Each structure stands twice: as structure tokens, then as C-alpha cells.
Amino acid sequence: MRILYPADIRFPLERANGLQTFETCRALAARGHTVTLLVRPDTTRPARDPWLFYGATRDTGLTISRLPPLPAFLRRGAYLAAALGRAVSVLPDIVLTRDLLLADMLLRLPVKLRPPLVYESHGYAPAMAAERHTAITGAATVSWRKILRLTARESRVWRGAAGYITLTRIHQQELEDRFGMRANSAVIPDGVRLEPGRTLQPPPAALPFTITYAGHLYPWKGVDVLLQALAELPQVQARIVGGQPGEADHVRLDGLARTLGVADRVTFTGWLPPASVTAELARAHLLILPNTPSHTSERYTSPLKLFEYLAAGRPIVASDLAALREVLRNEDTALLVEPGSATALAAAVRRLMGDPTLASGLATRAFDDAVYFGWETRAQRIDVVLEAAQAEA
């Protein structure tokens, strides 16, 4: 099958959506598909090789096509035009994208002039836009007019796409409640790269006891809560993997660490390449996923770090949120705690510090569960949606 995957991002990209896009396309190519990933150019000079950047073996089944550099004010329009042009001129067997506007524009074309569309949704756009100003530092409040436009767009894509993928069951249910049932809709969570012959490694013997978080530093990700919990854990150190020095969220969290008196026990590593993130997780005694309560956290989140945590074979403490409960089982593969509560988070850490048997059991079962979330498995499940979409064309 010839798949066009348009992703309006500079590439390669340090953020999780770049890695998720690359790994999804790579896994589909490994299944024998011919995949073209259409992206914007790298902004680093000289341009970086995506295969080296993501530490992956080249696959001739995946072609990464980067548009020429353009001024910022032209980028979005030019990208949409290029993606639509490629879709109708090349006529791939399927267009697979997570770009809502592009999906809507493609569906407005006559059926005979366009390939079937499979849309991968990472959240209900109106709800995410409405809480963006509280979820992301410095983000502006979205107008009600935009919310209405996004709602209409979501409805059209839900009803018109030949296939539809959500990351969580609760998100799929929300769409069904809003817009009605539809055929060829699947829940397919994100994934993780699993190395051949992987074995569970014992936790580090060296102290001090180290808890690690990997991911974005946005307020809704809950790193603030982690730092507040650290203030209740005087014998514990924390490593925060992600963000960059000078970014607003890094500055905010660094200031909070100083205010709480824990700055000498916190290390901010900044952004690290995927292989280095894996090494960071391996050196931890405990992995933390402290998302705060929000519509996005409750319904849409399927963070790559969650699956990386599983594969790392370390005990996990995570917020007790519906989306995370679709992957984690309390007292079995993780300890789930009250979202936003530093006291509950600290209590769970102390419990695992004092109960090595419990910690080992959680880590082992999490490590075993990771096998269900490899990128190869994810691609197999996407394939079912793609084949059904193509069959209906």
C-alpha cells in the first residue's frame, strides 16, 4: 500500500510528536508499505539526518520528503497547498494524518479526485483549544469563533474519514457521544521502541534514591507537583528529563525548586536524544508520571514516556486519570495516586522505597506489558484500519 503521511512539523523535531510520527511511519514501512512522510525542513544548519537523529536503521520503504524553507508567514499555507497537491496528483492508496485542518480540506474535495483518508486524532480540538491558555505557559485564550470552527471541523472529519484512530477509548467514546457511531474506528495507543532480546535489568544499587520524570515541562504535566513532593522526601533526588534552559517552563520550575529548597536535589537535563532518555530511565529507581487534572489528561493523553517507562522495567507512580488507567493497573503495573496531590505522590514514593518486593513486582509486570505497545504492534493495528478504508474506496 502506498501511504502519504503529511505532518506539518519541522523535521526532525525534538518533541514527542516528531518521534511518534517517525516511529509510526517507520513501523508501517517495515510491514511492507511504501510510506512518504511529508514534512517541513529542519531549521538547524546543516540539516540533520532524521535516521541518525532518531537512532534508527534506514528503511527504503520510508521516504522523508521535506519542503523547501519558507518565511514563517507562508509556512502553514504553503504546507497545506503542497500536501493537498501531493495527495491529488500522486494519488496514494491512503492519506494518513493527524492534521485536522488538512484532513478537513481533503474531505471537501470530490471523492473521485482524492485518496481515502484515515485520521489519527490526538485529542478533541475544541476542548484542547479551550484549555490551552492554562495548559501551556504563555498561550493566548482562544476565541469562541475558533471553538465553533474546530467543532464543525471535528464533526466533518469524524463523519467523512474512511478510517478514524484515537489514542484512548474515552476519547473515542466522547466522539461517539457528540457525533454518533461510525464504522472503521479504532483505539490505538502510542508505542515504544522495543529492542530485540530485551531483558529486565535490576534497579541501580547506588544511592541516593532517584526518581525521574521524562517529558514536557508544561504546567499540566505536573512537574510542579513532583517538586512539591520532593520537598517531603528529604533523602530523595530527582532528575527532570526534557525542556531547555531558558524556556519559560524551565525558568518557572527552576524557580520553584529554589523556593521549595530542593534545588540541590534536582537535576534538569534538558532535551536528550532518545537513546540518552532510555539510559536516564535505566539509572532511576522510580519513574514518575504526575499529570494534573485536566480535560486533556483525563481523556486524550497517551504520552510516549508512559510506554518508555513500561519498557524501562522500573516501578511507576502515576496520576490516577482515566486515560492512564487504560494502560496502567493500580497495584499491579503502577501505583496510581490522586492527581495534583504532592502529599499522595510522596506517600507512594515512600511506600515503594520501604517495600522492595512491591517495587520489583510492579517493575516486572510493567516490563512484561510493554510488549503490547511496541511500534510494530501499533502498526499492525493501524494496518487493519488502513485496509478497511482502502476496501471501501
Protein backbone atom coordinates (compact mmCIF):
# COMPACT_ATOMS: atom_id res chain seq x y z
CA MET A 1 0.00 0.00 0.00
CA ARG A 2 1.28 3.50 -0.87
CA ILE A 3 0.76 5.75 2.14
CA LEU A 4 1.15 9.52 2.24
CA TYR A 5 1.67 10.80 5.77
CA PRO A 6 1.57 14.64 5.89
CA ALA A 7 2.88 16.17 9.13
CA ASP A 8 3.24 19.95 9.29
CA ILE A 9 6.27 19.95 11.58
CA ARG A 10 9.91 20.87 11.11
CA PHE A 11 11.81 17.63 10.87
CA PRO A 12 13.47 16.11 12.71
CA LEU A 13 11.75 17.53 15.78
CA GLU A 14 12.90 17.35 19.40
CA ARG A 15 9.37 16.98 20.73
CA ALA A 16 7.37 13.81 21.19
CA ASN A 17 5.12 14.33 18.15
CA GLY A 18 8.17 14.18 15.88
CA LEU A 19 9.28 10.87 17.36
CA GLN A 20 5.74 9.47 17.30
CA THR A 21 5.31 10.41 13.65
CA PHE A 22 8.68 8.95 12.65
CA GLU A 23 8.19 5.68 14.52
CA THR A 24 4.66 5.21 13.16
CA CYS A 25 5.83 5.71 9.57
CA ARG A 26 8.92 3.54 10.08
CA ALA A 27 6.86 0.70 11.52
CA LEU A 28 4.38 0.86 8.64
CA ALA A 29 7.25 0.76 6.15
CA ALA A 30 8.69 -2.26 7.96
CA ARG A 31 5.39 -4.03 7.25
CA GLY A 32 5.99 -3.65 3.52
CA HIS A 33 4.15 -0.42 2.81
CA THR A 34 5.65 2.39 0.75
CA VAL A 35 5.41 5.41 3.02
CA THR A 36 6.10 9.05 2.16
CA LEU A 37 6.41 11.35 5.16
CA LEU A 38 5.83 14.93 4.02
CA VAL A 39 7.29 17.47 6.47
CA ARG A 40 8.81 20.93 6.71
CA PRO A 41 12.59 21.30 6.56
CA ASP A 42 14.93 21.19 9.53
CA THR A 43 15.74 24.61 10.95
CA THR A 44 19.21 23.51 12.12
CA ARG A 45 22.10 24.13 9.77
CA PRO A 46 23.41 21.89 8.42
CA ALA A 47 20.17 19.93 8.29
CA ARG A 48 20.21 16.85 10.49
CA ASP A 49 19.68 13.32 9.19
CA PRO A 50 16.38 12.06 10.72
CA TRP A 51 17.57 8.44 10.73
CA LEU A 52 20.65 9.36 12.76
CA PHE A 53 18.70 11.82 14.90
CA TYR A 54 16.24 9.13 15.98
CA GLY A 55 18.86 6.36 16.07
CA ALA A 56 17.11 4.12 13.56
CA THR A 57 18.24 1.80 10.77
CA ARG A 58 17.30 3.12 7.33
CA ASP A 59 14.38 1.52 5.54
CA THR A 60 13.96 2.16 1.83
CA GLY A 61 10.21 1.78 2.28
CA LEU A 62 10.09 5.15 4.07
CA THR A 63 10.84 8.32 2.12
CA ILE A 64 11.14 11.57 4.09
CA SER A 65 10.18 14.43 1.80
CA ARG A 66 10.96 17.90 3.16
CA LEU A 67 9.55 21.07 1.65
CA PRO A 68 11.89 23.97 0.86
CA PRO A 69 12.46 26.63 3.57
CA LEU A 70 9.93 29.47 3.59
CA PRO A 71 9.30 32.63 5.65
CA ALA A 72 7.23 31.96 8.77
CA PHE A 73 4.12 33.75 7.50
CA LEU A 74 3.98 31.48 4.43
CA ARG A 75 4.71 28.13 6.05
CA ARG A 76 1.26 26.91 7.03
CA GLY A 77 -0.48 27.88 3.81
CA ALA A 78 2.32 26.56 1.65
CA TYR A 79 2.39 23.29 3.56
CA LEU A 80 -1.35 22.74 3.21
CA ALA A 81 -1.20 23.51 -0.51
CA ALA A 82 1.74 21.15 -1.01
CA ALA A 83 0.11 18.33 0.93
CA LEU A 84 -3.19 18.65 -0.92
CA GLY A 85 -1.36 18.88 -4.23
CA ARG A 86 0.64 15.76 -3.46
CA ALA A 87 -2.50 13.87 -2.42
CA VAL A 88 -4.44 14.63 -5.61
CA SER A 89 -1.54 14.45 -8.08
CA VAL A 90 0.23 11.34 -6.84
CA LEU A 91 -3.00 9.68 -5.64
CA PRO A 92 -1.54 7.40 -2.97
CA ASP A 93 -3.65 4.49 -1.79
CA ILE A 94 -4.22 6.18 1.59
CA VAL A 95 -3.56 9.52 3.27
CA LEU A 96 -2.85 9.05 6.98
CA THR A 97 -2.54 12.23 9.05
CA ARG A 98 -3.08 13.78 12.47
CA ASP A 99 -3.55 17.28 10.97
CA LEU A 100 -7.23 18.16 11.49
CA LEU A 101 -7.36 21.13 9.10
CA LEU A 102 -5.63 19.22 6.33
CA ALA A 103 -7.98 16.28 6.84
CA ASP A 104 -11.00 18.58 6.62
CA MET A 105 -9.70 20.28 3.47
CA LEU A 106 -9.01 16.94 1.79
CA LEU A 107 -12.51 15.70 2.58
CA ARG A 108 -14.02 18.76 0.91
CA LEU A 109 -12.59 17.61 -2.43
CA PRO A 110 -14.72 15.37 -4.68
CA VAL A 111 -14.32 11.72 -3.74
CA LYS A 112 -13.12 10.77 -7.22
CA LEU A 113 -10.28 13.30 -7.05
CA ARG A 114 -8.75 12.26 -3.74
CA PRO A 115 -7.47 9.14 -1.98
CA PRO A 116 -9.19 7.71 1.10
CA LEU A 117 -8.34 9.50 4.34
CA VAL A 118 -7.52 7.93 7.70
CA TYR A 119 -7.36 10.45 10.51
CA GLU A 120 -5.41 9.87 13.73
CA SER A 121 -6.81 12.12 16.45
CA HIS A 122 -4.69 13.11 19.44
CA GLY A 123 -7.50 14.96 21.21
CA TYR A 124 -10.78 16.76 20.67
CA ALA A 125 -9.56 20.08 19.24
CA PRO A 126 -12.22 22.42 20.71
CA ALA A 127 -11.65 21.14 24.26
CA MET A 128 -7.87 21.26 23.92
CA ALA A 129 -8.01 24.77 22.48
CA ALA A 130 -10.30 25.98 25.27
CA GLU A 131 -7.85 24.94 27.99
CA ARG A 132 -4.68 25.78 26.07
CA HIS A 133 -4.11 29.07 27.92
CA THR A 134 -3.94 27.23 31.25
CA ALA A 135 -2.13 24.16 29.92
CA ILE A 136 0.76 25.91 28.15
CA THR A 137 2.72 28.80 29.61
CA GLY A 138 2.20 31.99 27.61
CA ALA A 139 -0.58 30.61 25.39
CA ALA A 140 -3.39 33.02 24.48
CA THR A 141 -7.07 32.45 25.16
CA VAL A 142 -8.88 31.04 22.11
CA SER A 143 -11.95 32.87 20.81
CA TRP A 144 -15.40 31.28 20.78
CA ARG A 145 -15.41 31.68 16.99
CA LYS A 146 -12.40 29.42 16.71
CA ILE A 147 -14.01 26.90 19.04
CA LEU A 148 -17.05 26.79 16.73
CA ARG A 149 -14.82 26.34 13.66
CA LEU A 150 -12.95 23.50 15.34
CA THR A 151 -16.20 21.83 16.40
CA ALA A 152 -17.53 21.88 12.84
CA ARG A 153 -14.21 20.59 11.55
CA GLU A 154 -14.17 17.73 14.06
CA SER A 155 -17.70 16.73 13.06
CA ARG A 156 -16.90 16.68 9.33
CA VAL A 157 -13.76 14.61 9.76
CA TRP A 158 -15.42 12.16 12.14
CA ARG A 159 -18.24 11.61 9.67
CA GLY A 160 -16.23 11.75 6.45
CA ALA A 161 -12.93 9.99 7.05
CA ALA A 162 -12.64 6.46 5.68
CA GLY A 163 -10.93 5.43 8.93
CA TYR A 164 -10.52 7.04 12.33
CA ILE A 165 -7.98 6.36 15.08
CA THR A 166 -7.97 7.65 18.65
CA LEU A 167 -5.32 7.06 21.29
CA THR A 168 -7.76 6.33 24.11
CA ARG A 169 -11.12 4.64 24.48
CA ILE A 170 -12.51 7.54 26.49
CA HIS A 171 -11.76 9.89 23.58
CA GLN A 172 -13.47 7.57 21.12
CA GLN A 173 -16.49 7.44 23.42
CA GLU A 174 -16.59 11.24 23.60
CA LEU A 175 -16.68 11.48 19.81
CA GLU A 176 -19.41 8.85 19.59
CA ASP A 177 -21.46 10.74 22.18
CA ARG A 178 -21.06 14.01 20.28
CA PHE A 179 -21.37 12.89 16.68
CA GLY A 180 -22.81 9.39 16.68
CA MET A 181 -21.37 5.95 15.91
CA ARG A 182 -19.23 5.34 12.85
CA ALA A 183 -17.61 2.39 11.11
CA ASN A 184 -13.86 1.68 10.98
CA SER A 185 -12.96 3.50 14.18
CA ALA A 186 -10.19 2.06 16.35
CA VAL A 187 -8.45 2.87 19.63
CA ILE A 188 -4.70 2.52 19.14
CA PRO A 189 -2.46 3.95 21.88
CA ASP A 190 1.04 5.22 21.29
CA GLY A 191 4.06 2.95 21.47
CA VAL A 192 7.69 2.38 22.30
CA ARG A 193 10.74 1.00 20.53
CA LEU A 194 11.50 -2.48 21.87
CA GLU A 195 14.99 -3.81 21.38
CA PRO A 196 15.36 -7.46 20.27
CA GLY A 197 16.22 -9.82 23.11
CA ARG A 198 15.37 -7.25 25.76
CA THR A 199 15.78 -8.41 29.36
CA LEU A 200 14.73 -6.87 32.63
CA GLN A 201 17.67 -5.19 34.33
CA PRO A 202 17.89 -4.87 38.12
CA PRO A 203 17.46 -1.42 39.69
CA PRO A 204 20.62 0.57 40.37
CA ALA A 205 22.33 -0.38 43.61
CA ALA A 206 23.83 3.06 44.14
CA LEU A 207 22.14 5.63 46.34
CA PRO A 208 20.73 8.24 46.78
CA PHE A 209 17.30 7.03 45.75
CA THR A 210 16.46 8.73 42.45
CA ILE A 211 13.06 9.48 40.95
CA THR A 212 12.92 10.50 37.29
CA TYR A 213 10.43 12.30 35.08
CA ALA A 214 10.81 12.47 31.29
CA GLY A 215 8.71 14.69 29.06
CA HIS A 216 7.46 18.22 28.52
CA LEU A 217 7.53 20.81 31.29
CA TYR A 218 4.08 22.29 30.59
CA PRO A 219 2.07 23.04 33.76
CA TRP A 220 -0.47 20.28 33.08
CA LYS A 221 2.33 17.70 33.00
CA GLY A 222 2.66 18.09 36.78
CA VAL A 223 6.39 18.61 37.31
CA ASP A 224 5.42 21.29 39.84
CA VAL A 225 3.68 18.55 41.86
CA LEU A 226 6.77 16.35 41.62
CA LEU A 227 8.95 19.14 43.05
CA GLN A 228 6.47 19.76 45.85
CA ALA A 229 6.53 16.03 46.66
CA LEU A 230 10.32 16.11 46.66
CA ALA A 231 10.18 18.67 49.47
CA GLU A 232 8.52 15.92 51.56
CA LEU A 233 11.21 13.37 50.62
CA PRO A 234 14.50 14.66 52.07
CA GLN A 235 16.54 11.57 51.17
CA VAL A 236 15.46 11.52 47.52
CA GLN A 237 16.91 13.12 44.39
CA ALA A 238 15.03 13.91 41.18
CA ARG A 239 16.06 14.07 37.55
CA ILE A 240 13.87 16.01 35.12
CA VAL A 241 14.50 14.94 31.52
CA GLY A 242 13.12 17.41 28.99
CA GLY A 243 12.77 21.08 28.18
CA GLN A 244 15.58 23.51 27.52
CA PRO A 245 17.35 26.07 29.71
CA GLY A 246 15.82 29.50 29.17
CA GLU A 247 12.37 28.21 28.22
CA ALA A 248 9.58 29.77 30.28
CA ASP A 249 8.59 26.48 31.90
CA HIS A 250 12.18 25.59 32.76
CA VAL A 251 12.68 29.00 34.36
CA ARG A 252 9.42 28.61 36.29
CA LEU A 253 10.31 25.16 37.60
CA ASP A 254 13.87 26.10 38.45
CA GLY A 255 12.49 29.00 40.49
CA LEU A 256 10.00 26.70 42.23
CA ALA A 257 12.78 24.25 43.12
CA ARG A 258 14.73 27.09 44.73
CA THR A 259 11.69 28.35 46.59
CA LEU A 260 10.98 24.86 47.95
CA GLY A 261 14.61 24.40 48.98
CA VAL A 262 15.12 21.31 46.79
CA ALA A 263 17.26 22.82 44.01
CA ASP A 264 20.35 20.96 45.23
CA ARG A 265 18.49 17.66 44.81
CA VAL A 266 17.07 18.31 41.33
CA THR A 267 18.87 17.91 38.02
CA PHE A 268 17.33 19.38 34.86
CA THR A 269 19.00 17.54 31.98
CA GLY A 270 17.31 19.48 29.16
CA TRP A 271 16.31 17.75 25.95
CA LEU A 272 18.15 14.49 25.27
CA PRO A 273 18.15 12.22 22.19
CA PRO A 274 16.00 9.08 22.50
CA ALA A 275 18.89 6.74 23.31
CA SER A 276 20.02 9.00 26.13
CA VAL A 277 16.48 9.16 27.53
CA THR A 278 16.47 5.36 27.70
CA ALA A 279 19.72 5.46 29.66
CA GLU A 280 18.27 8.06 32.03
CA LEU A 281 15.26 5.87 32.77
CA ALA A 282 17.52 2.89 33.44
CA ARG A 283 19.51 4.78 36.07
CA ALA A 284 16.34 5.70 38.00
CA HIS A 285 14.96 3.82 41.00
CA LEU A 286 11.44 5.05 40.31
CA LEU A 287 9.65 6.74 37.39
CA ILE A 288 7.03 9.46 37.89
CA LEU A 289 4.08 10.46 35.70
CA PRO A 290 2.45 13.31 37.67
CA ASN A 291 -0.11 14.73 35.22
CA THR A 292 -2.52 17.19 36.81
CA PRO A 293 -6.32 17.02 36.32
CA SER A 294 -7.42 18.49 33.00
CA HIS A 295 -9.63 17.54 30.08
CA THR A 296 -6.52 16.62 28.07
CA SER A 297 -5.03 14.50 30.87
CA GLU A 298 -8.28 12.73 31.62
CA ARG A 299 -9.28 11.89 28.06
CA TYR A 300 -6.55 12.19 25.47
CA THR A 301 -3.10 11.69 26.92
CA SER A 302 -1.12 8.72 25.63
CA PRO A 303 2.37 10.01 26.37
CA LEU A 304 5.36 8.31 24.81
CA LYS A 305 7.09 8.43 28.19
CA LEU A 306 4.38 6.18 29.64
CA PHE A 307 5.35 3.38 27.26
CA GLU A 308 9.05 4.15 27.67
CA TYR A 309 8.51 3.80 31.41
CA LEU A 310 6.94 0.36 30.91
CA ALA A 311 9.84 -0.78 28.75
CA ALA A 312 12.40 0.53 31.26
CA GLY A 313 11.39 -2.02 33.86
CA ARG A 314 11.22 0.39 36.78
CA PRO A 315 8.34 0.89 39.23
CA ILE A 316 5.96 3.66 38.17
CA VAL A 317 3.97 6.15 40.20
CA ALA A 318 1.37 7.92 38.08
CA SER A 319 -1.67 10.14 38.43
CA ASP A 320 -4.95 8.25 38.69
CA LEU A 321 -6.52 9.50 35.46
CA ALA A 322 -8.94 7.67 33.15
CA ALA A 323 -6.67 7.81 30.09
CA LEU A 324 -3.71 6.40 32.05
CA ARG A 325 -5.88 3.65 33.57
CA GLU A 326 -6.40 2.33 30.04
CA VAL A 327 -2.71 1.29 30.14
CA LEU A 328 -1.73 1.08 33.82
CA ARG A 329 -3.31 -1.12 36.51
CA ASN A 330 -3.17 0.18 40.06
CA GLU A 331 -1.18 -2.00 42.47
CA ASP A 332 -0.24 -4.25 39.53
CA THR A 333 1.85 -2.32 36.99
CA ALA A 334 1.95 1.01 38.83
CA LEU A 335 0.80 2.90 41.88
CA LEU A 336 -1.88 5.39 40.89
CA VAL A 337 -2.29 8.45 43.10
CA GLU A 338 -4.59 11.44 43.42
CA PRO A 339 -3.78 13.83 40.53
CA GLY A 340 -2.29 17.11 41.66
CA SER A 341 -1.55 15.91 45.21
CA ALA A 342 2.10 16.22 46.20
CA THR A 343 1.35 14.50 49.50
CA ALA A 344 -0.16 11.45 47.77
CA LEU A 345 2.78 11.31 45.36
CA ALA A 346 5.31 11.50 48.19
CA ALA A 347 3.46 8.79 50.13
CA ALA A 348 3.60 6.42 47.14
CA VAL A 349 7.34 7.04 46.73
CA ARG A 350 7.94 6.33 50.43
CA ARG A 351 5.88 3.16 50.18
CA LEU A 352 7.97 1.81 47.32
CA MET A 353 11.21 2.84 48.99
CA GLY A 354 10.18 0.77 52.01
CA ASP A 355 8.82 -2.24 50.09
CA PRO A 356 11.36 -3.57 47.55
CA THR A 357 9.18 -6.62 46.86
CA LEU A 358 6.25 -4.45 45.77
CA ALA A 359 8.56 -2.24 43.71
CA SER A 360 10.09 -5.26 41.96
CA GLY A 361 6.69 -6.75 41.18
CA LEU A 362 5.37 -3.52 39.68
CA ALA A 363 8.51 -3.14 37.56
CA THR A 364 8.41 -6.73 36.29
CA ARG A 365 4.76 -6.63 35.27
CA ALA A 366 5.18 -3.21 33.63
CA PHE A 367 8.18 -4.53 31.68
CA ASP A 368 6.15 -7.53 30.52
CA ASP A 369 3.23 -5.29 29.46
CA ALA A 370 5.49 -3.19 27.22
CA VAL A 371 5.40 -5.97 24.62
CA TYR A 372 1.79 -5.00 23.83
CA PHE A 373 2.83 -1.46 22.94
CA GLY A 374 5.76 -1.85 20.54
CA TRP A 375 5.64 0.29 17.41
CA GLU A 376 5.41 -2.89 15.35
CA THR A 377 2.26 -3.93 17.20
CA ARG A 378 0.84 -0.45 16.76
CA ALA A 379 1.49 -0.62 13.01
CA GLN A 380 -0.32 -3.97 12.80
CA ARG A 381 -3.39 -2.41 14.39
CA ILE A 382 -3.22 0.65 12.12
CA ASP A 383 -2.99 -1.71 9.15
CA VAL A 384 -6.44 -3.09 9.95
CA VAL A 385 -7.89 0.43 9.72
CA LEU A 386 -5.97 1.21 6.51
CA GLU A 387 -7.08 -1.98 4.79
CA ALA A 388 -10.72 -1.41 5.71
CA ALA A 389 -10.52 2.19 4.44
CA GLN A 390 -8.98 1.08 1.16
CA ALA A 391 -11.57 -1.66 0.73
CA GLU A 392 -14.38 0.91 0.98
CA ALA A 393 -12.78 3.27 -1.57
